[in-house]
Amino acid sequence: MSVAYKLNTYQGEKGTVTVYTSLCKGCGLCIQKCPKECLKWSNHLGIYGTPSVEPDMEICIACGTCQNVCPDCAISVQRNK
């Protein structure tokens, strides 16, 4: 049996950020810890009907901090080579 996740992918100069909205509970840890303050609440609802997050890819450096602090593995960051 396969599981389908709702996700949103954002591409920028430094990398790609994927937010799995079906896993995001809207805790905001990623917003608090982002060194560039590029994450904000989105209009996409997460697992509990709370807003999920989205990055501003003009600012994002694809450092992966958001991915590392997310307790639900709802963010994936792929840095460009």
PDB file of N, CA and C in Angstrom:
ATOM      1  N   MET A   1       0.841  -1.179   0.000  1.00  0.00           N
ATOM      2  CA  MET A   1       0.000   0.000   0.000  1.00  0.00           C
ATOM      3  C   MET A   1       0.886   1.241   0.000  1.00  0.00           C
ATOM      4  N   SER A   2       0.638   2.165  -0.889  1.00  0.00           N
ATOM      5  CA  SER A   2       1.415   3.396  -0.926  1.00  0.00           C
ATOM      6  C   SER A   2       0.645   4.517  -0.238  1.00  0.00           C
ATOM      7  N   VAL A   3       1.401   5.454   0.307  1.00  0.00           N
ATOM      8  CA  VAL A   3       0.817   6.595   1.007  1.00  0.00           C
ATOM      9  C   VAL A   3       1.077   7.836   0.174  1.00  0.00           C
ATOM     10  N   ALA A   4       0.050   8.604  -0.088  1.00  0.00           N
ATOM     11  CA  ALA A   4       0.196   9.843  -0.856  1.00  0.00           C
ATOM     12  C   ALA A   4       0.266  11.019   0.113  1.00  0.00           C
ATOM     13  N   TYR A   5       1.284  11.838  -0.043  1.00  0.00           N
ATOM     14  CA  TYR A   5       1.453  13.020   0.787  1.00  0.00           C
ATOM     15  C   TYR A   5       1.155  14.261  -0.031  1.00  0.00           C
ATOM     16  N   LYS A   6       0.471  15.224   0.602  1.00  0.00           N
ATOM     17  CA  LYS A   6       0.297  16.521  -0.039  1.00  0.00           C
ATOM     18  C   LYS A   6       1.585  17.288   0.191  1.00  0.00           C
ATOM     19  N   LEU A   7       2.101  17.888  -0.866  1.00  0.00           N
ATOM     20  CA  LEU A   7       3.346  18.631  -0.726  1.00  0.00           C
ATOM     21  C   LEU A   7       3.359  19.840  -1.644  1.00  0.00           C
ATOM     22  N   ASN A   8       4.220  20.771  -1.290  1.00  0.00           N
ATOM     23  CA  ASN A   8       4.466  21.952  -2.106  1.00  0.00           C
ATOM     24  C   ASN A   8       5.972  22.079  -2.246  1.00  0.00           C
ATOM     25  N   THR A   9       6.424  22.281  -3.475  1.00  0.00           N
ATOM     26  CA  THR A   9       7.853  22.390  -3.748  1.00  0.00           C
ATOM     27  C   THR A   9       8.166  23.811  -4.205  1.00  0.00           C
ATOM     28  N   TYR A  10       9.229  24.352  -3.622  1.00  0.00           N
ATOM     29  CA  TYR A  10       9.656  25.717  -3.921  1.00  0.00           C
ATOM     30  C   TYR A  10      11.107  25.664  -4.380  1.00  0.00           C
ATOM     31  N   GLN A  11      11.397  26.291  -5.531  1.00  0.00           N
ATOM     32  CA  GLN A  11      12.747  26.282  -6.069  1.00  0.00           C
ATOM     33  C   GLN A  11      13.327  27.681  -6.048  1.00  0.00           C
ATOM     34  N   GLY A  12      14.595  27.743  -5.712  1.00  0.00           N
ATOM     35  CA  GLY A  12      15.296  29.022  -5.676  1.00  0.00           C
ATOM     36  C   GLY A  12      16.701  28.872  -6.204  1.00  0.00           C
ATOM     37  N   GLU A  13      17.447  29.933  -6.129  1.00  0.00           N
ATOM     38  CA  GLU A  13      18.818  29.948  -6.640  1.00  0.00           C
ATOM     39  C   GLU A  13      19.720  28.985  -5.869  1.00  0.00           C
ATOM     40  N   LYS A  14      19.532  28.885  -4.559  1.00  0.00           N
ATOM     41  CA  LYS A  14      20.404  28.064  -3.715  1.00  0.00           C
ATOM     42  C   LYS A  14      19.955  26.610  -3.593  1.00  0.00           C
ATOM     43  N   GLY A  15      18.665  26.334  -3.826  1.00  0.00           N
ATOM     44  CA  GLY A  15      18.195  24.966  -3.688  1.00  0.00           C
ATOM     45  C   GLY A  15      16.690  24.841  -3.803  1.00  0.00           C
ATOM     46  N   THR A  16      16.196  23.681  -3.373  1.00  0.00           N
ATOM     47  CA  THR A  16      14.776  23.366  -3.441  1.00  0.00           C
ATOM     48  C   THR A  16      14.285  22.982  -2.054  1.00  0.00           C
ATOM     49  N   VAL A  17      13.146  23.529  -1.683  1.00  0.00           N
ATOM     50  CA  VAL A  17      12.528  23.209  -0.393  1.00  0.00           C
ATOM     51  C   VAL A  17      11.174  22.571  -0.675  1.00  0.00           C
ATOM     52  N   THR A  18      10.951  21.404  -0.089  1.00  0.00           N
ATOM     53  CA  THR A  18       9.674  20.718  -0.207  1.00  0.00           C
ATOM     54  C   THR A  18       9.021  20.694   1.164  1.00  0.00           C
ATOM     55  N   VAL A  19       7.789  21.176   1.232  1.00  0.00           N
ATOM     56  CA  VAL A  19       7.019  21.161   2.473  1.00  0.00           C
ATOM     57  C   VAL A  19       5.898  20.141   2.306  1.00  0.00           C
ATOM     58  N   TYR A  20       5.925  19.118   3.133  1.00  0.00           N
ATOM     59  CA  TYR A  20       4.886  18.089   3.128  1.00  0.00           C
ATOM     60  C   TYR A  20       3.754  18.580   4.021  1.00  0.00           C
ATOM     61  N   THR A  21       2.774  19.231   3.409  1.00  0.00           N
ATOM     62  CA  THR A  21       1.702  19.839   4.188  1.00  0.00           C
ATOM     63  C   THR A  21       0.882  18.803   4.943  1.00  0.00           C
ATOM     64  N   SER A  22       0.821  17.586   4.443  1.00  0.00           N
ATOM     65  CA  SER A  22       0.053  16.559   5.132  1.00  0.00           C
ATOM     66  C   SER A  22       0.770  16.055   6.387  1.00  0.00           C
ATOM     67  N   LEU A  23       2.017  16.476   6.619  1.00  0.00           N
ATOM     68  CA  LEU A  23       2.748  16.132   7.834  1.00  0.00           C
ATOM     69  C   LEU A  23       2.922  17.321   8.779  1.00  0.00           C
ATOM     70  N   CYS A  24       2.818  18.540   8.250  1.00  0.00           N
ATOM     71  CA  CYS A  24       3.065  19.749   9.040  1.00  0.00           C
ATOM     72  C   CYS A  24       1.930  19.985  10.031  1.00  0.00           C
ATOM     73  N   LYS A  25       2.293  20.125  11.316  1.00  0.00           N
ATOM     74  CA  LYS A  25       1.284  20.400  12.337  1.00  0.00           C
ATOM     75  C   LYS A  25       1.232  21.875  12.707  1.00  0.00           C
ATOM     76  N   GLY A  26       2.061  22.694  12.095  1.00  0.00           N
ATOM     77  CA  GLY A  26       2.026  24.129  12.329  1.00  0.00           C
ATOM     78  C   GLY A  26       2.634  24.554  13.649  1.00  0.00           C
ATOM     79  N   CYS A  27       3.671  23.856  14.112  1.00  0.00           N
ATOM     80  CA  CYS A  27       4.282  24.188  15.405  1.00  0.00           C
ATOM     81  C   CYS A  27       5.122  25.462  15.341  1.00  0.00           C
ATOM     82  N   GLY A  28       5.672  25.785  14.170  1.00  0.00           N
ATOM     83  CA  GLY A  28       6.432  27.019  13.997  1.00  0.00           C
ATOM     84  C   GLY A  28       7.894  26.950  14.398  1.00  0.00           C
ATOM     85  N   LEU A  29       8.399  25.780  14.777  1.00  0.00           N
ATOM     86  CA  LEU A  29       9.814  25.671  15.150  1.00  0.00           C
ATOM     87  C   LEU A  29      10.729  26.099  14.013  1.00  0.00           C
ATOM     88  N   CYS A  30      10.378  25.725  12.798  1.00  0.00           N
ATOM     89  CA  CYS A  30      11.208  26.083  11.645  1.00  0.00           C
ATOM     90  C   CYS A  30      11.262  27.600  11.445  1.00  0.00           C
ATOM     91  N   ILE A  31      10.138  28.260  11.673  1.00  0.00           N
ATOM     92  CA  ILE A  31      10.099  29.719  11.541  1.00  0.00           C
ATOM     93  C   ILE A  31      10.997  30.366  12.588  1.00  0.00           C
ATOM     94  N   GLN A  32      10.942  29.852  13.805  1.00  0.00           N
ATOM     95  CA  GLN A  32      11.751  30.408  14.901  1.00  0.00           C
ATOM     96  C   GLN A  32      13.246  30.209  14.681  1.00  0.00           C
ATOM     97  N   LYS A  33      13.643  29.090  14.094  1.00  0.00           N
ATOM     98  CA  LYS A  33      15.065  28.747  13.985  1.00  0.00           C
ATOM     99  C   LYS A  33      15.723  29.156  12.674  1.00  0.00           C
ATOM    100  N   CYS A  34      14.958  29.554  11.682  1.00  0.00           N
ATOM    101  CA  CYS A  34      15.529  29.918  10.379  1.00  0.00           C
ATOM    102  C   CYS A  34      16.491  31.105  10.528  1.00  0.00           C
ATOM    103  N   PRO A  35      17.765  30.936  10.147  1.00  0.00           N
ATOM    104  CA  PRO A  35      18.728  32.027  10.311  1.00  0.00           C
ATOM    105  C   PRO A  35      18.484  33.210   9.368  1.00  0.00           C
ATOM    106  N   LYS A  36      17.786  32.992   8.279  1.00  0.00           N
ATOM    107  CA  LYS A  36      17.520  34.067   7.308  1.00  0.00           C
ATOM    108  C   LYS A  36      16.097  34.620   7.433  1.00  0.00           C
ATOM    109  N   GLU A  37      15.314  34.058   8.359  1.00  0.00           N
ATOM    110  CA  GLU A  37      13.921  34.485   8.562  1.00  0.00           C
ATOM    111  C   GLU A  37      13.133  34.473   7.251  1.00  0.00           C
ATOM    112  N   CYS A  38      13.309  33.392   6.485  1.00  0.00           N
ATOM    113  CA  CYS A  38      12.650  33.324   5.181  1.00  0.00           C
ATOM    114  C   CYS A  38      11.377  32.483   5.188  1.00  0.00           C
ATOM    115  N   LEU A  39      11.043  31.871   6.320  1.00  0.00           N
ATOM    116  CA  LEU A  39       9.822  31.065   6.388  1.00  0.00           C
ATOM    117  C   LEU A  39       8.663  31.887   6.925  1.00  0.00           C
ATOM    118  N   LYS A  40       7.486  31.636   6.358  1.00  0.00           N
ATOM    119  CA  LYS A  40       6.271  32.326   6.808  1.00  0.00           C
ATOM    120  C   LYS A  40       5.107  31.338   6.729  1.00  0.00           C
ATOM    121  N   TRP A  41       4.012  31.701   7.345  1.00  0.00           N
ATOM    122  CA  TRP A  41       2.814  30.859   7.291  1.00  0.00           C
ATOM    123  C   TRP A  41       2.206  30.945   5.902  1.00  0.00           C
ATOM    124  N   SER A  42       1.707  29.824   5.411  1.00  0.00           N
ATOM    125  CA  SER A  42       1.109  29.789   4.078  1.00  0.00           C
ATOM    126  C   SER A  42      -0.400  29.621   4.173  1.00  0.00           C
ATOM    127  N   ASN A  43      -1.048  29.619   3.031  1.00  0.00           N
ATOM    128  CA  ASN A  43      -2.494  29.382   2.963  1.00  0.00           C
ATOM    129  C   ASN A  43      -2.813  27.891   2.875  1.00  0.00           C
ATOM    130  N   HIS A  44      -1.786  27.059   2.774  1.00  0.00           N
ATOM    131  CA  HIS A  44      -1.961  25.611   2.706  1.00  0.00           C
ATOM    132  C   HIS A  44      -2.121  25.070   4.118  1.00  0.00           C
ATOM    133  N   LEU A  45      -3.156  24.282   4.341  1.00  0.00           N
ATOM    134  CA  LEU A  45      -3.414  23.762   5.669  1.00  0.00           C
ATOM    135  C   LEU A  45      -2.671  22.458   5.915  1.00  0.00           C
ATOM    136  N   GLY A  46      -2.163  22.323   7.131  1.00  0.00           N
ATOM    137  CA  GLY A  46      -1.442  21.133   7.530  1.00  0.00           C
ATOM    138  C   GLY A  46      -2.377  20.068   8.079  1.00  0.00           C
ATOM    139  N   ILE A  47      -1.793  19.092   8.745  1.00  0.00           N
ATOM    140  CA  ILE A  47      -2.508  17.907   9.189  1.00  0.00           C
ATOM    141  C   ILE A  47      -3.647  18.209  10.164  1.00  0.00           C
ATOM    142  N   TYR A  48      -3.500  19.206  11.008  1.00  0.00           N
ATOM    143  CA  TYR A  48      -4.538  19.536  11.987  1.00  0.00           C
ATOM    144  C   TYR A  48      -5.389  20.728  11.572  1.00  0.00           C
ATOM    145  N   GLY A  49      -5.319  21.095  10.310  1.00  0.00           N
ATOM    146  CA  GLY A  49      -6.074  22.247   9.830  1.00  0.00           C
ATOM    147  C   GLY A  49      -5.419  23.568  10.162  1.00  0.00           C
ATOM    148  N   THR A  50      -4.183  23.503  10.637  1.00  0.00           N
ATOM    149  CA  THR A  50      -3.417  24.715  10.937  1.00  0.00           C
ATOM    150  C   THR A  50      -2.593  25.082   9.703  1.00  0.00           C
ATOM    151  N   PRO A  51      -2.201  26.331   9.575  1.00  0.00           N
ATOM    152  CA  PRO A  51      -1.385  26.712   8.415  1.00  0.00           C
ATOM    153  C   PRO A  51      -0.049  25.981   8.424  1.00  0.00           C
ATOM    154  N   SER A  52       0.398  25.606   7.239  1.00  0.00           N
ATOM    155  CA  SER A  52       1.751  25.072   7.103  1.00  0.00           C
ATOM    156  C   SER A  52       2.656  26.247   6.729  1.00  0.00           C
ATOM    157  N   VAL A  53       3.905  25.970   6.456  1.00  0.00           N
ATOM    158  CA  VAL A  53       4.846  27.048   6.162  1.00  0.00           C
ATOM    159  C   VAL A  53       5.237  27.044   4.690  1.00  0.00           C
ATOM    160  N   GLU A  54       5.804  28.165   4.269  1.00  0.00           N
ATOM    161  CA  GLU A  54       6.386  28.254   2.932  1.00  0.00           C
ATOM    162  C   GLU A  54       7.592  29.183   3.002  1.00  0.00           C
ATOM    163  N   PRO A  55       8.629  28.871   2.234  1.00  0.00           N
ATOM    164  CA  PRO A  55       9.829  29.700   2.245  1.00  0.00           C
ATOM    165  C   PRO A  55       9.749  30.820   1.215  1.00  0.00           C
ATOM    166  N   ASP A  56      10.436  31.897   1.500  1.00  0.00           N
ATOM    167  CA  ASP A  56      10.646  32.947   0.517  1.00  0.00           C
ATOM    168  C   ASP A  56      11.959  32.593  -0.162  1.00  0.00           C
ATOM    169  N   MET A  57      11.881  32.044  -1.348  1.00  0.00           N
ATOM    170  CA  MET A  57      13.064  31.527  -2.033  1.00  0.00           C
ATOM    171  C   MET A  57      13.998  32.622  -2.537  1.00  0.00           C
ATOM    172  N   GLU A  58      13.572  33.873  -2.465  1.00  0.00           N
ATOM    173  CA  GLU A  58      14.468  34.990  -2.791  1.00  0.00           C
ATOM    174  C   GLU A  58      15.504  35.166  -1.681  1.00  0.00           C
ATOM    175  N   ILE A  59      15.142  34.751  -0.465  1.00  0.00           N
ATOM    176  CA  ILE A  59      15.998  34.928   0.715  1.00  0.00           C
ATOM    177  C   ILE A  59      16.658  33.614   1.137  1.00  0.00           C
ATOM    178  N   CYS A  60      15.981  32.504   0.923  1.00  0.00           N
ATOM    179  CA  CYS A  60      16.417  31.188   1.415  1.00  0.00           C
ATOM    180  C   CYS A  60      17.792  30.812   0.881  1.00  0.00           C
ATOM    181  N   ILE A  61      18.657  30.325   1.786  1.00  0.00           N
ATOM    182  CA  ILE A  61      19.991  29.878   1.392  1.00  0.00           C
ATOM    183  C   ILE A  61      20.088  28.347   1.387  1.00  0.00           C
ATOM    184  N   ALA A  62      18.970  27.665   1.583  1.00  0.00           N
ATOM    185  CA  ALA A  62      18.897  26.201   1.583  1.00  0.00           C
ATOM    186  C   ALA A  62      19.887  25.589   2.565  1.00  0.00           C
ATOM    187  N   CYS A  63      19.949  26.169   3.767  1.00  0.00           N
ATOM    188  CA  CYS A  63      20.898  25.697   4.776  1.00  0.00           C
ATOM    189  C   CYS A  63      20.445  24.394   5.433  1.00  0.00           C
ATOM    190  N   GLY A  64      19.138  24.123   5.429  1.00  0.00           N
ATOM    191  CA  GLY A  64      18.627  22.892   5.997  1.00  0.00           C
ATOM    192  C   GLY A  64      18.253  22.964   7.462  1.00  0.00           C
ATOM    193  N   THR A  65      18.371  24.130   8.073  1.00  0.00           N
ATOM    194  CA  THR A  65      18.014  24.261   9.487  1.00  0.00           C
ATOM    195  C   THR A  65      16.559  23.886   9.722  1.00  0.00           C
ATOM    196  N   CYS A  66      15.679  24.330   8.866  1.00  0.00           N
ATOM    197  CA  CYS A  66      14.254  24.020   9.013  1.00  0.00           C
ATOM    198  C   CYS A  66      14.013  22.516   8.970  1.00  0.00           C
ATOM    199  N   GLN A  67      14.691  21.853   8.062  1.00  0.00           N
ATOM    200  CA  GLN A  67      14.579  20.401   7.938  1.00  0.00           C
ATOM    201  C   GLN A  67      15.061  19.710   9.211  1.00  0.00           C
ATOM    202  N   ASN A  68      16.148  20.203   9.774  1.00  0.00           N
ATOM    203  CA  ASN A  68      16.740  19.574  10.951  1.00  0.00           C
ATOM    204  C   ASN A  68      15.920  19.769  12.226  1.00  0.00           C
ATOM    205  N   VAL A  69      15.210  20.889  12.348  1.00  0.00           N
ATOM    206  CA  VAL A  69      14.449  21.139  13.579  1.00  0.00           C
ATOM    207  C   VAL A  69      13.007  20.661  13.505  1.00  0.00           C
ATOM    208  N   CYS A  70      12.530  20.312  12.335  1.00  0.00           N
ATOM    209  CA  CYS A  70      11.136  19.883  12.195  1.00  0.00           C
ATOM    210  C   CYS A  70      10.933  18.535  12.887  1.00  0.00           C
ATOM    211  N   PRO A  71      10.071  18.483  13.912  1.00  0.00           N
ATOM    212  CA  PRO A  71       9.869  17.225  14.635  1.00  0.00           C
ATOM    213  C   PRO A  71       9.061  16.193  13.840  1.00  0.00           C
ATOM    214  N   ASP A  72       8.461  16.609  12.743  1.00  0.00           N
ATOM    215  CA  ASP A  72       7.592  15.723  11.973  1.00  0.00           C
ATOM    216  C   ASP A  72       8.133  15.391  10.583  1.00  0.00           C
ATOM    217  N   CYS A  73       9.367  15.767  10.308  1.00  0.00           N
ATOM    218  CA  CYS A  73       9.996  15.516   8.992  1.00  0.00           C
ATOM    219  C   CYS A  73       9.128  16.046   7.860  1.00  0.00           C
ATOM    220  N   ALA A  74       8.534  17.216   8.067  1.00  0.00           N
ATOM    221  CA  ALA A  74       7.621  17.788   7.089  1.00  0.00           C
ATOM    222  C   ALA A  74       8.323  18.697   6.083  1.00  0.00           C
ATOM    223  N   ILE A  75       9.634  18.877   6.231  1.00  0.00           N
ATOM    224  CA  ILE A  75      10.393  19.748   5.331  1.00  0.00           C
ATOM    225  C   ILE A  75      11.617  18.993   4.821  1.00  0.00           C
ATOM    226  N   SER A  76      11.837  19.110   3.524  1.00  0.00           N
ATOM    227  CA  SER A  76      13.023  18.528   2.907  1.00  0.00           C
ATOM    228  C   SER A  76      13.739  19.629   2.131  1.00  0.00           C
ATOM    229  N   VAL A  77      15.045  19.738   2.342  1.00  0.00           N
ATOM    230  CA  VAL A  77      15.834  20.768   1.657  1.00  0.00           C
ATOM    231  C   VAL A  77      16.903  20.081   0.818  1.00  0.00           C
ATOM    232  N   GLN A  78      16.979  20.461  -0.443  1.00  0.00           N
ATOM    233  CA  GLN A  78      17.992  19.951  -1.350  1.00  0.00           C
ATOM    234  C   GLN A  78      18.778  21.156  -1.856  1.00  0.00           C
ATOM    235  N   ARG A  79      20.033  21.223  -1.473  1.00  0.00           N
ATOM    236  CA  ARG A  79      20.880  22.339  -1.869  1.00  0.00           C
ATOM    237  C   ARG A  79      21.436  22.087  -3.271  1.00  0.00           C
ATOM    238  N   ASN A  80      21.463  23.131  -4.099  1.00  0.00           N
ATOM    239  CA  ASN A  80      22.044  23.018  -5.437  1.00  0.00           C
ATOM    240  C   ASN A  80      23.551  22.861  -5.329  1.00  0.00           C
ATOM    241  N   LYS A  81      24.129  22.134  -6.259  1.00  0.00           N
ATOM    242  CA  LYS A  81      25.588  21.940  -6.265  1.00  0.00           C
ATOM    243  C   LYS A  81      26.275  23.010  -7.034  1.00  0.00           C
TER     244      LYS A  81
END
